[in-house]
Amino acid sequence: MDGKLVRDQIPQVIRGSGVTPRGYVAGPQEYRWRLRNKLDEEVAEFLAADGSSAPGELADVMEVVHALAADLGVDPAELEKIRAVKASERCGFAGRVVWMGNR
């Protein structure tokens, strides 16, 4: 499938540069599929980023995560509650623990 999901204002930005963009609004199933692909794209950009551009790339990842959550009917506050519960049950990753399997 051609094309890619872009931020809502991108067509206006393109028009502002004197070019006519082509595109359409995705249906619900295609939107979910494209959001998942966008997450892969944004994560890859974050992983390839240097220290100065990494925060911006990580913000892009968060934007896609929030869109995915909204598509599931979960608002950012509820998503944060879910994250906090999981963190309280198993902690986070600040301890840098690496599991090597069991004996």
Protein backbone atom coordinates (compact mmCIF):
# COMPACT_ATOMS: atom_id res chain seq x y z
CA MET A 1 0.00 0.00 0.00
CA ASP A 2 1.45 3.36 -1.02
CA GLY A 3 1.56 6.52 1.06
CA LYS A 4 2.22 7.02 4.74
CA LEU A 5 0.43 8.49 7.71
CA VAL A 6 1.48 12.08 8.40
CA ARG A 7 0.61 14.70 11.00
CA ASP A 8 -2.67 16.51 10.32
CA GLN A 9 -1.08 19.83 9.34
CA ILE A 10 1.40 18.40 6.81
CA PRO A 11 -0.88 18.97 3.78
CA GLN A 12 -1.17 22.67 4.73
CA VAL A 13 2.62 22.91 5.12
CA ILE A 14 3.06 21.36 1.67
CA ARG A 15 0.50 23.77 0.17
CA GLY A 16 2.40 26.63 1.80
CA SER A 17 5.46 25.65 -0.18
CA GLY A 18 3.49 26.00 -3.43
CA VAL A 19 2.93 22.29 -4.07
CA THR A 20 -0.40 20.47 -4.19
CA PRO A 21 -0.39 17.38 -1.95
CA ARG A 22 -2.28 14.21 -2.83
CA GLY A 23 -3.88 12.11 -0.12
CA TYR A 24 -7.03 10.96 1.62
CA VAL A 25 -8.42 10.23 5.08
CA ALA A 26 -7.87 6.60 6.08
CA GLY A 27 -10.74 4.47 7.34
CA PRO A 28 -10.59 2.98 10.85
CA GLN A 29 -8.86 -0.32 9.98
CA GLU A 30 -6.34 1.28 7.65
CA TYR A 31 -5.68 4.00 10.26
CA ARG A 32 -4.82 1.35 12.89
CA TRP A 33 -2.54 -0.43 10.44
CA ARG A 34 -0.83 2.82 9.43
CA LEU A 35 -0.42 3.92 13.07
CA ARG A 36 1.40 0.67 13.84
CA ASN A 37 3.66 1.22 10.82
CA LYS A 38 4.22 4.82 11.95
CA LEU A 39 5.28 3.56 15.37
CA ASP A 40 7.90 1.33 13.70
CA GLU A 41 9.09 4.30 11.63
CA GLU A 42 9.33 6.68 14.59
CA VAL A 43 11.08 4.11 16.81
CA ALA A 44 13.63 3.48 14.04
CA GLU A 45 14.23 7.24 13.76
CA PHE A 46 14.69 7.46 17.55
CA LEU A 47 17.14 4.55 17.54
CA ALA A 48 19.17 6.19 14.76
CA ALA A 49 19.13 9.64 16.38
CA ASP A 50 22.12 11.29 18.00
CA GLY A 51 21.96 12.81 21.46
CA SER A 52 20.73 16.20 20.31
CA SER A 53 17.88 14.95 18.11
CA ALA A 54 16.85 11.99 20.29
CA PRO A 55 14.42 13.97 22.50
CA GLY A 56 12.50 15.23 19.47
CA GLU A 57 12.36 11.76 17.98
CA LEU A 58 11.18 10.34 21.30
CA ALA A 59 8.43 12.99 21.36
CA ASP A 60 7.35 11.73 17.93
CA VAL A 61 7.16 8.19 19.34
CA MET A 62 4.98 9.50 22.19
CA GLU A 63 2.67 11.26 19.72
CA VAL A 64 2.08 7.99 17.90
CA VAL A 65 1.60 6.12 21.20
CA HIS A 66 -1.04 8.67 22.22
CA ALA A 67 -2.79 8.27 18.84
CA LEU A 68 -2.75 4.49 19.24
CA ALA A 69 -4.20 4.80 22.74
CA ALA A 70 -6.92 7.18 21.53
CA ASP A 71 -7.79 4.70 18.77
CA LEU A 72 -8.25 2.09 21.53
CA GLY A 73 -10.47 4.51 23.45
CA VAL A 74 -7.84 5.25 26.10
CA ASP A 75 -7.04 8.89 26.90
CA PRO A 76 -3.52 9.98 27.96
CA ALA A 77 -4.49 10.14 31.65
CA GLU A 78 -5.83 6.57 31.59
CA LEU A 79 -2.75 5.39 29.71
CA GLU A 80 -0.57 6.97 32.40
CA LYS A 81 -2.63 5.22 35.11
CA ILE A 82 -2.09 1.87 33.36
CA ARG A 83 1.64 2.60 33.11
CA ALA A 84 1.82 3.62 36.78
CA VAL A 85 0.05 0.44 37.94
CA LYS A 86 2.46 -1.71 35.94
CA ALA A 87 5.39 0.28 37.34
CA SER A 88 4.13 -0.16 40.90
CA GLU A 89 3.75 -3.91 40.38
CA ARG A 90 7.07 -4.57 38.59
CA CYS A 91 8.92 -1.24 38.79
CA GLY A 92 10.39 0.49 35.75
CA PHE A 93 13.74 0.26 34.04
CA ALA A 94 15.80 2.75 36.05
CA GLY A 95 17.67 -0.08 37.79
CA ARG A 96 19.21 -1.16 34.44
CA VAL A 97 18.60 -4.84 35.32
CA VAL A 98 19.54 -7.30 32.54
CA TRP A 99 18.05 -10.80 32.82
CA MET A 100 20.23 -13.62 31.51
CA GLY A 101 17.76 -16.49 31.87
CA ASN A 102 17.30 -19.10 34.59
CA ARG A 103 19.52 -21.91 35.91
